[in-house]
Each structure stands twice: as C-alpha cells, then as structure tokens.
Amino acid sequence: MDDTFTDKVFSLKNNEFYTFIQELVGQQIVDILKFQSITSTQSLIRNPNIFGIFNMKCTEPTFLSIRERSCFHLDDGQFIVKIGLMNSLNYLLDFLKQQQQKKIIESGDIDSNVSLSFDFINKHPLLKTLVLWYQQIDNDDINNKDKNGFLKDFIDTITNNLTKSSSLTKWRSRLLSSTAELRLDDQPISINHLYDIINNENYTKLDHGLTKSDINPKDRQNFSSRLKLVSADVFEI
C-alpha cells in the first residue's frame, strides 16, 4: 500500500479514499461504500455498519447486483453477509483503530487516559461529533482562522467547566445571597437610583416605562424587564 495513504488516512476523500480501500480490502467493499455515498474515512468512522442496507426492500439494479455478490439469500427472505466480506470490514476498521493509536503516540499526547480510542469515541455520539467537527475546522482554519473562533471558545468554556470543583456552587450561592455587594473599584454598585426615578413625582411611567416589579421581578428570567432597565429613556433621565 502507498505510504502516503497511510500517513493521511483520516483525511482521505473521494477517489483517494476509494483507492485506499481497494488496496486494503478489495473492490467489493468499495462498491458498497460508493452505493451509500460514503466518500471519506470520517464518514466511514461515523457509519461503520455498511452492511445494514442489505435487508431493505429496493429494486435499484445496482443495489441488487451488489447484494447478490455480497450475501447469501435465505429461504425466509433474509440476507446474510458473506463471512469474507465481514472479515474484510473488520480488518479495515481494526486498521483504522491501529492508525489512530499510532497517531496519538506519535503526537506525544499520551497519558493515563490513552484509551481514548476509536471504540471509545464511537460509543459516545457527542464526543464523536465534536472530534469530527474539530478535525473539519482544523482544515478550514488553514484558510480562515477566525471563522470558527467564537464557537470554539464557547465549546471550550462549557467543556472546561464540566470538570471544575463543586466549590463553584458555593461561590454561586454567595453571589445570589441577599448580603452580596457588587463593587466597581472602590465604588458600590446599586440600583437605588432606579427606585429614585420611580418614586420621583417629576417623572411618570411615560418617561421611563419602569415599575418596581421590573427592578425586583419574581421571574429572574424576565427579559422584558431587562430591556426596560437598559432603555434609552432610563439612561437619559
């Protein structure tokens, strides 16, 4: 097999991908992949059960031809994939697992959790989706480094906080405490001036649009009140 295929096995697409598969396990697997429009290594990793289509009802001539060459047709109507093809697919998937482990070792990204393997990723759909997405944006970022910057930071922030100490919960409770005080440098920050605006007889609701329930709403997710608190009418008073 061409070493260049092995070196970039996880980025192969279309004709390069099919050539790699043909050299490794034969043309019949290639035909099955082509019929299902599986055009890359990443697509195969995401959908490794390529024989699942053979028991569906389909009169497409190409499909019938592939199924006839790939399966035994039982008397009860079921189709059983030939053992040789099963072995070829297993060999292919095992090869990809080995290449993944090799890539991890060569990159030096190895620790007590080296078991982050092909099997492990496939067992966790969210993890698999993230891995495939990060691989895709790594290629995209060659041409546009800022395209996915915000989304990457957003995901990183969420995942980083998943493993934070439970002490953060204690900090959150303190921040929600009625005795907590917000300060900017040495100056306390309060909303007393908003109460002053509401209680000031020189202004009416037509001037500012506020009510006391906007300042201390029972519903902490009251976005309507939030919009009124930062409106231009309030800031201009």
C-alpha atoms as a PDB file:
ATOM      1  CA  MET A   1       0.000   0.000   0.000  1.00  0.00           C
ATOM      2  CA  ASP A   2       1.140   3.549  -0.786  1.00  0.00           C
ATOM      3  CA  ASP A   3       2.601   5.021   2.416  1.00  0.00           C
ATOM      4  CA  THR A   4       1.154   8.433   1.546  1.00  0.00           C
ATOM      5  CA  PHE A   5      -2.344   6.987   2.036  1.00  0.00           C
ATOM      6  CA  THR A   6      -1.408   5.560   5.424  1.00  0.00           C
ATOM      7  CA  ASP A   7       0.093   8.857   6.591  1.00  0.00           C
ATOM      8  CA  LYS A   8      -3.067  10.843   5.834  1.00  0.00           C
ATOM      9  CA  VAL A   9      -5.649   8.081   6.227  1.00  0.00           C
ATOM     10  CA  PHE A  10      -8.042  10.237   8.294  1.00  0.00           C
ATOM     11  CA  SER A  11      -8.228  12.990   5.687  1.00  0.00           C
ATOM     12  CA  LEU A  12      -8.780  10.828   2.593  1.00  0.00           C
ATOM     13  CA  LYS A  13     -11.801  11.661   0.438  1.00  0.00           C
ATOM     14  CA  ASN A  14     -13.427  10.549  -2.815  1.00  0.00           C
ATOM     15  CA  ASN A  15     -11.051   8.824  -5.278  1.00  0.00           C
ATOM     16  CA  GLU A  16      -8.120   8.758  -2.854  1.00  0.00           C
ATOM     17  CA  PHE A  17     -10.359   7.200  -0.226  1.00  0.00           C
ATOM     18  CA  TYR A  18     -11.678   4.550  -2.627  1.00  0.00           C
ATOM     19  CA  THR A  19      -8.174   3.731  -3.873  1.00  0.00           C
ATOM     20  CA  PHE A  20      -7.022   3.238  -0.283  1.00  0.00           C
ATOM     21  CA  ILE A  21      -9.985   0.932   0.478  1.00  0.00           C
ATOM     22  CA  GLN A  22      -9.484  -1.042  -2.737  1.00  0.00           C
ATOM     23  CA  GLU A  23      -5.808  -1.636  -1.999  1.00  0.00           C
ATOM     24  CA  LEU A  24      -6.517  -2.646   1.592  1.00  0.00           C
ATOM     25  CA  VAL A  25      -9.635  -4.851   1.359  1.00  0.00           C
ATOM     26  CA  GLY A  26     -10.756  -5.071  -2.264  1.00  0.00           C
ATOM     27  CA  GLN A  27     -13.180  -3.613  -4.781  1.00  0.00           C
ATOM     28  CA  GLN A  28     -16.343  -5.166  -3.358  1.00  0.00           C
ATOM     29  CA  ILE A  29     -16.146  -3.079  -0.181  1.00  0.00           C
ATOM     30  CA  VAL A  30     -15.538  -0.040  -2.395  1.00  0.00           C
ATOM     31  CA  ASP A  31     -18.732  -0.754  -4.363  1.00  0.00           C
ATOM     32  CA  ILE A  32     -20.761  -0.984  -1.146  1.00  0.00           C
ATOM     33  CA  LEU A  33     -19.318   2.315   0.104  1.00  0.00           C
ATOM     34  CA  LYS A  34     -19.893   4.089  -3.214  1.00  0.00           C
ATOM     35  CA  PHE A  35     -23.525   2.978  -3.369  1.00  0.00           C
ATOM     36  CA  GLN A  36     -24.106   4.583   0.048  1.00  0.00           C
ATOM     37  CA  SER A  37     -22.137   7.741  -0.847  1.00  0.00           C
ATOM     38  CA  ILE A  38     -19.619   7.074   1.925  1.00  0.00           C
ATOM     39  CA  THR A  39     -16.814   9.140   0.437  1.00  0.00           C
ATOM     40  CA  SER A  40     -14.302   9.589   3.249  1.00  0.00           C
ATOM     41  CA  THR A  41     -12.630   7.883   6.174  1.00  0.00           C
ATOM     42  CA  GLN A  42     -14.507  10.160   8.556  1.00  0.00           C
ATOM     43  CA  SER A  43     -17.841   9.195   7.003  1.00  0.00           C
ATOM     44  CA  LEU A  44     -16.975   5.503   7.384  1.00  0.00           C
ATOM     45  CA  ILE A  45     -15.985   6.008  11.026  1.00  0.00           C
ATOM     46  CA  ARG A  46     -19.320   7.678  11.674  1.00  0.00           C
ATOM     47  CA  ASN A  47     -21.283   4.907   9.895  1.00  0.00           C
ATOM     48  CA  PRO A  48     -19.341   1.638  10.252  1.00  0.00           C
ATOM     49  CA  ASN A  49     -22.399  -0.630   9.758  1.00  0.00           C
ATOM     50  CA  ILE A  50     -22.190  -0.575   5.962  1.00  0.00           C
ATOM     51  CA  PHE A  51     -23.991  -3.923   5.563  1.00  0.00           C
ATOM     52  CA  GLY A  52     -27.176  -2.739   7.254  1.00  0.00           C
ATOM     53  CA  ILE A  53     -28.779  -1.846   3.908  1.00  0.00           C
ATOM     54  CA  PHE A  54     -28.931  -5.394   2.563  1.00  0.00           C
ATOM     55  CA  ASN A  55     -32.248  -6.333   4.198  1.00  0.00           C
ATOM     56  CA  MET A  56     -34.109  -3.309   2.923  1.00  0.00           C
ATOM     57  CA  LYS A  57     -36.537  -3.546   0.016  1.00  0.00           C
ATOM     58  CA  CYS A  58     -35.042  -1.922  -3.062  1.00  0.00           C
ATOM     59  CA  THR A  59     -35.314  -2.655  -6.802  1.00  0.00           C
ATOM     60  CA  GLU A  60     -32.384  -0.473  -7.849  1.00  0.00           C
ATOM     61  CA  PRO A  61     -30.363  -2.666 -10.278  1.00  0.00           C
ATOM     62  CA  THR A  62     -27.009  -1.565  -8.860  1.00  0.00           C
ATOM     63  CA  PHE A  63     -28.159  -2.381  -5.339  1.00  0.00           C
ATOM     64  CA  LEU A  64     -29.493  -5.809  -6.354  1.00  0.00           C
ATOM     65  CA  SER A  65     -26.219  -6.623  -8.099  1.00  0.00           C
ATOM     66  CA  ILE A  66     -24.115  -5.634  -5.068  1.00  0.00           C
ATOM     67  CA  ARG A  67     -26.375  -7.573  -2.696  1.00  0.00           C
ATOM     68  CA  GLU A  68     -26.279 -10.688  -4.863  1.00  0.00           C
ATOM     69  CA  ARG A  69     -22.462 -10.663  -4.830  1.00  0.00           C
ATOM     70  CA  SER A  70     -22.229  -9.833  -1.125  1.00  0.00           C
ATOM     71  CA  CYS A  71     -24.870 -12.001   0.555  1.00  0.00           C
ATOM     72  CA  PHE A  72     -26.482 -15.403   0.844  1.00  0.00           C
ATOM     73  CA  HIS A  73     -30.259 -15.285   0.296  1.00  0.00           C
ATOM     74  CA  LEU A  74     -32.012 -17.488   2.857  1.00  0.00           C
ATOM     75  CA  ASP A  75     -35.335 -19.263   2.357  1.00  0.00           C
ATOM     76  CA  ASP A  76     -37.034 -16.969   4.886  1.00  0.00           C
ATOM     77  CA  GLY A  77     -36.145 -13.932   2.794  1.00  0.00           C
ATOM     78  CA  GLN A  78     -33.255 -12.728   4.947  1.00  0.00           C
ATOM     79  CA  PHE A  79     -29.855 -11.837   3.503  1.00  0.00           C
ATOM     80  CA  ILE A  80     -26.669 -12.884   5.321  1.00  0.00           C
ATOM     81  CA  VAL A  81     -23.412 -11.092   4.503  1.00  0.00           C
ATOM     82  CA  LYS A  82     -20.675 -13.448   3.365  1.00  0.00           C
ATOM     83  CA  ILE A  83     -18.059 -14.129   6.016  1.00  0.00           C
ATOM     84  CA  GLY A  84     -15.233 -12.987   3.746  1.00  0.00           C
ATOM     85  CA  LEU A  85     -16.749  -9.522   3.467  1.00  0.00           C
ATOM     86  CA  MET A  86     -17.354  -9.384   7.212  1.00  0.00           C
ATOM     87  CA  ASN A  87     -13.685 -10.202   7.772  1.00  0.00           C
ATOM     88  CA  SER A  88     -12.635  -7.529   5.272  1.00  0.00           C
ATOM     89  CA  LEU A  89     -14.688  -4.847   7.028  1.00  0.00           C
ATOM     90  CA  ASN A  90     -13.392  -5.899  10.457  1.00  0.00           C
ATOM     91  CA  TYR A  91      -9.829  -5.788   9.135  1.00  0.00           C
ATOM     92  CA  LEU A  92     -10.422  -2.298   7.735  1.00  0.00           C
ATOM     93  CA  LEU A  93     -11.887  -0.969  10.993  1.00  0.00           C
ATOM     94  CA  ASP A  94      -9.107  -2.595  13.039  1.00  0.00           C
ATOM     95  CA  PHE A  95      -6.548  -0.969  10.751  1.00  0.00           C
ATOM     96  CA  LEU A  96      -8.117   2.447  11.357  1.00  0.00           C
ATOM     97  CA  LYS A  97      -8.040   1.846  15.115  1.00  0.00           C
ATOM     98  CA  GLN A  98      -4.338   0.977  14.948  1.00  0.00           C
ATOM     99  CA  GLN A  99      -3.584   4.079  12.897  1.00  0.00           C
ATOM    100  CA  GLN A 100      -5.444   6.206  15.403  1.00  0.00           C
ATOM    101  CA  GLN A 101      -3.446   4.794  18.322  1.00  0.00           C
ATOM    102  CA  LYS A 102      -0.235   5.290  16.354  1.00  0.00           C
ATOM    103  CA  LYS A 103      -1.154   8.906  15.677  1.00  0.00           C
ATOM    104  CA  ILE A 104      -1.829   9.517  19.374  1.00  0.00           C
ATOM    105  CA  ILE A 105       1.543   8.040  20.369  1.00  0.00           C
ATOM    106  CA  GLU A 106       3.480   9.953  17.690  1.00  0.00           C
ATOM    107  CA  SER A 107       1.882  13.242  18.711  1.00  0.00           C
ATOM    108  CA  GLY A 108       3.063  12.722  22.288  1.00  0.00           C
ATOM    109  CA  ASP A 109      -0.490  13.301  23.510  1.00  0.00           C
ATOM    110  CA  ILE A 110      -0.444  10.258  25.751  1.00  0.00           C
ATOM    111  CA  ASP A 111      -1.200   9.878  29.442  1.00  0.00           C
ATOM    112  CA  SER A 112      -3.141   7.644  31.777  1.00  0.00           C
ATOM    113  CA  ASN A 113      -6.212   8.094  29.558  1.00  0.00           C
ATOM    114  CA  VAL A 114      -4.599   6.732  26.387  1.00  0.00           C
ATOM    115  CA  SER A 115      -7.702   4.557  25.965  1.00  0.00           C
ATOM    116  CA  LEU A 116      -9.422   7.410  24.090  1.00  0.00           C
ATOM    117  CA  SER A 117      -9.646   5.086  21.136  1.00  0.00           C
ATOM    118  CA  PHE A 118     -11.716   4.547  18.037  1.00  0.00           C
ATOM    119  CA  ASP A 119     -14.095   2.304  20.030  1.00  0.00           C
ATOM    120  CA  PHE A 120     -14.392   4.803  22.889  1.00  0.00           C
ATOM    121  CA  ILE A 121     -15.214   7.699  20.549  1.00  0.00           C
ATOM    122  CA  ASN A 122     -17.784   5.630  18.669  1.00  0.00           C
ATOM    123  CA  LYS A 123     -19.591   4.783  21.920  1.00  0.00           C
ATOM    124  CA  HIS A 124     -20.233   8.459  22.660  1.00  0.00           C
ATOM    125  CA  PRO A 125     -22.139  10.245  19.851  1.00  0.00           C
ATOM    126  CA  LEU A 126     -21.496  13.745  21.202  1.00  0.00           C
ATOM    127  CA  LEU A 127     -17.766  13.094  21.537  1.00  0.00           C
ATOM    128  CA  LYS A 128     -17.633  11.610  18.040  1.00  0.00           C
ATOM    129  CA  THR A 129     -19.425  14.639  16.601  1.00  0.00           C
ATOM    130  CA  LEU A 130     -17.030  17.017  18.373  1.00  0.00           C
ATOM    131  CA  VAL A 131     -13.967  15.097  17.167  1.00  0.00           C
ATOM    132  CA  LEU A 132     -15.193  15.154  13.567  1.00  0.00           C
ATOM    133  CA  TRP A 133     -16.098  18.849  13.838  1.00  0.00           C
ATOM    134  CA  TYR A 134     -12.704  19.817  15.255  1.00  0.00           C
ATOM    135  CA  GLN A 135     -10.971  17.844  12.508  1.00  0.00           C
ATOM    136  CA  GLN A 136     -13.052  19.687   9.936  1.00  0.00           C
ATOM    137  CA  ILE A 137     -12.366  23.161  11.332  1.00  0.00           C
ATOM    138  CA  ASP A 138      -8.656  22.370  11.586  1.00  0.00           C
ATOM    139  CA  ASN A 139      -8.715  22.068   7.810  1.00  0.00           C
ATOM    140  CA  ASP A 140     -10.935  25.140   7.380  1.00  0.00           C
ATOM    141  CA  ASP A 141      -8.771  27.285   9.666  1.00  0.00           C
ATOM    142  CA  ILE A 142      -5.849  26.962   7.275  1.00  0.00           C
ATOM    143  CA  ASN A 143      -7.676  29.460   5.063  1.00  0.00           C
ATOM    144  CA  ASN A 144      -9.791  31.302   7.627  1.00  0.00           C
ATOM    145  CA  LYS A 145      -8.514  31.275  11.190  1.00  0.00           C
ATOM    146  CA  ASP A 146     -11.304  33.465  12.571  1.00  0.00           C
ATOM    147  CA  LYS A 147     -14.275  31.651  11.028  1.00  0.00           C
ATOM    148  CA  ASN A 148     -14.952  29.345  13.980  1.00  0.00           C
ATOM    149  CA  GLY A 149     -13.224  31.270  16.766  1.00  0.00           C
ATOM    150  CA  PHE A 150     -16.301  32.192  18.802  1.00  0.00           C
ATOM    151  CA  LEU A 151     -17.885  28.735  18.624  1.00  0.00           C
ATOM    152  CA  LYS A 152     -14.599  27.052  19.589  1.00  0.00           C
ATOM    153  CA  ASP A 153     -14.236  29.327  22.617  1.00  0.00           C
ATOM    154  CA  PHE A 154     -17.867  28.694  23.577  1.00  0.00           C
ATOM    155  CA  ILE A 155     -17.460  24.901  23.434  1.00  0.00           C
ATOM    156  CA  ASP A 156     -14.115  25.056  25.247  1.00  0.00           C
ATOM    157  CA  THR A 157     -15.658  27.127  28.049  1.00  0.00           C
ATOM    158  CA  ILE A 158     -18.504  24.646  28.536  1.00  0.00           C
ATOM    159  CA  THR A 159     -16.269  21.569  28.486  1.00  0.00           C
ATOM    160  CA  ASN A 160     -13.673  23.151  30.765  1.00  0.00           C
ATOM    161  CA  ASN A 161     -16.328  23.903  33.373  1.00  0.00           C
ATOM    162  CA  LEU A 162     -17.663  20.344  33.316  1.00  0.00           C
ATOM    163  CA  THR A 163     -14.700  19.202  35.400  1.00  0.00           C
ATOM    164  CA  LYS A 164     -14.500  22.173  37.768  1.00  0.00           C
ATOM    165  CA  SER A 165     -14.643  21.683  41.519  1.00  0.00           C
ATOM    166  CA  SER A 166     -18.016  21.692  43.245  1.00  0.00           C
ATOM    167  CA  SER A 167     -16.746  24.694  45.214  1.00  0.00           C
ATOM    168  CA  LEU A 168     -18.014  26.784  42.303  1.00  0.00           C
ATOM    169  CA  THR A 169     -21.515  26.018  43.518  1.00  0.00           C
ATOM    170  CA  LYS A 170     -20.618  27.617  46.839  1.00  0.00           C
ATOM    171  CA  TRP A 171     -19.401  30.733  45.067  1.00  0.00           C
ATOM    172  CA  ARG A 172     -22.643  30.879  43.087  1.00  0.00           C
ATOM    173  CA  SER A 173     -24.670  30.672  46.311  1.00  0.00           C
ATOM    174  CA  ARG A 174     -22.691  33.556  47.788  1.00  0.00           C
ATOM    175  CA  LEU A 175     -23.280  35.675  44.703  1.00  0.00           C
ATOM    176  CA  LEU A 176     -27.024  35.081  44.980  1.00  0.00           C
ATOM    177  CA  SER A 177     -27.038  35.941  48.679  1.00  0.00           C
ATOM    178  CA  SER A 178     -29.025  38.989  49.770  1.00  0.00           C
ATOM    179  CA  THR A 179     -25.904  40.284  51.554  1.00  0.00           C
ATOM    180  CA  ALA A 180     -23.680  40.156  48.459  1.00  0.00           C
ATOM    181  CA  GLU A 181     -22.437  43.538  47.236  1.00  0.00           C
ATOM    182  CA  LEU A 182     -21.275  44.442  43.746  1.00  0.00           C
ATOM    183  CA  ARG A 183     -18.447  46.981  43.542  1.00  0.00           C
ATOM    184  CA  LEU A 184     -16.579  48.689  40.731  1.00  0.00           C
ATOM    185  CA  ASP A 185     -13.139  49.542  42.114  1.00  0.00           C
ATOM    186  CA  ASP A 186     -13.959  51.296  45.435  1.00  0.00           C
ATOM    187  CA  GLN A 187     -17.462  52.344  44.474  1.00  0.00           C
ATOM    188  CA  PRO A 188     -20.523  50.223  45.358  1.00  0.00           C
ATOM    189  CA  ILE A 189     -22.904  49.499  42.512  1.00  0.00           C
ATOM    190  CA  SER A 190     -26.618  49.569  43.316  1.00  0.00           C
ATOM    191  CA  ILE A 191     -29.966  50.195  41.688  1.00  0.00           C
ATOM    192  CA  ASN A 192     -31.191  52.695  44.262  1.00  0.00           C
ATOM    193  CA  HIS A 193     -31.221  55.420  41.633  1.00  0.00           C
ATOM    194  CA  LEU A 194     -33.822  53.392  39.706  1.00  0.00           C
ATOM    195  CA  TYR A 195     -36.081  53.431  42.755  1.00  0.00           C
ATOM    196  CA  ASP A 196     -35.464  57.179  42.981  1.00  0.00           C
ATOM    197  CA  ILE A 197     -36.625  57.577  39.384  1.00  0.00           C
ATOM    198  CA  ILE A 198     -39.812  55.583  40.021  1.00  0.00           C
ATOM    199  CA  ASN A 199     -40.569  57.452  43.266  1.00  0.00           C
ATOM    200  CA  ASN A 200     -39.777  60.873  41.812  1.00  0.00           C
ATOM    201  CA  GLU A 201     -43.012  62.789  41.280  1.00  0.00           C
ATOM    202  CA  ASN A 202     -41.403  64.772  38.472  1.00  0.00           C
ATOM    203  CA  TYR A 203     -41.446  61.653  36.258  1.00  0.00           C
ATOM    204  CA  THR A 204     -44.257  59.382  35.157  1.00  0.00           C
ATOM    205  CA  LYS A 205     -44.235  55.906  33.705  1.00  0.00           C
ATOM    206  CA  LEU A 206     -44.484  57.547  30.299  1.00  0.00           C
ATOM    207  CA  ASP A 207     -40.992  58.977  30.880  1.00  0.00           C
ATOM    208  CA  HIS A 208     -39.191  55.786  31.870  1.00  0.00           C
ATOM    209  CA  GLY A 209     -41.595  52.845  31.463  1.00  0.00           C
ATOM    210  CA  LEU A 210     -40.493  51.261  34.752  1.00  0.00           C
ATOM    211  CA  THR A 211     -42.343  49.640  37.620  1.00  0.00           C
ATOM    212  CA  LYS A 212     -40.936  48.292  40.887  1.00  0.00           C
ATOM    213  CA  SER A 213     -41.506  44.743  39.676  1.00  0.00           C
ATOM    214  CA  ASP A 214     -39.056  45.437  36.833  1.00  0.00           C
ATOM    215  CA  ILE A 215     -36.298  46.128  39.346  1.00  0.00           C
ATOM    216  CA  ASN A 216     -37.030  43.159  41.562  1.00  0.00           C
ATOM    217  CA  PRO A 217     -39.002  40.709  39.392  1.00  0.00           C
ATOM    218  CA  LYS A 218     -40.280  37.420  40.764  1.00  0.00           C
ATOM    219  CA  ASP A 219     -39.238  35.858  37.492  1.00  0.00           C
ATOM    220  CA  ARG A 220     -35.445  36.225  37.297  1.00  0.00           C
ATOM    221  CA  GLN A 221     -35.610  35.436  33.572  1.00  0.00           C
ATOM    222  CA  ASN A 222     -37.922  38.366  32.819  1.00  0.00           C
ATOM    223  CA  PHE A 223     -36.250  39.681  29.658  1.00  0.00           C
ATOM    224  CA  SER A 224     -38.895  42.345  29.145  1.00  0.00           C
ATOM    225  CA  SER A 225     -37.858  43.987  32.427  1.00  0.00           C
ATOM    226  CA  ARG A 226     -34.195  43.747  31.494  1.00  0.00           C
ATOM    227  CA  LEU A 227     -34.830  45.590  28.253  1.00  0.00           C
ATOM    228  CA  LYS A 228     -36.658  48.375  30.072  1.00  0.00           C
ATOM    229  CA  LEU A 229     -33.834  48.759  32.617  1.00  0.00           C
ATOM    230  CA  VAL A 230     -31.293  49.450  29.870  1.00  0.00           C
ATOM    231  CA  SER A 231     -33.548  51.530  27.645  1.00  0.00           C
ATOM    232  CA  ALA A 232     -32.502  54.930  26.341  1.00  0.00           C
ATOM    233  CA  ASP A 233     -35.384  56.562  28.231  1.00  0.00           C
ATOM    234  CA  VAL A 234     -33.899  55.446  31.564  1.00  0.00           C
ATOM    235  CA  PHE A 235     -30.338  56.448  30.698  1.00  0.00           C
ATOM    236  CA  GLU A 236     -31.423  59.887  29.574  1.00  0.00           C
ATOM    237  CA  ILE A 237     -33.031  60.710  32.944  1.00  0.00           C
END
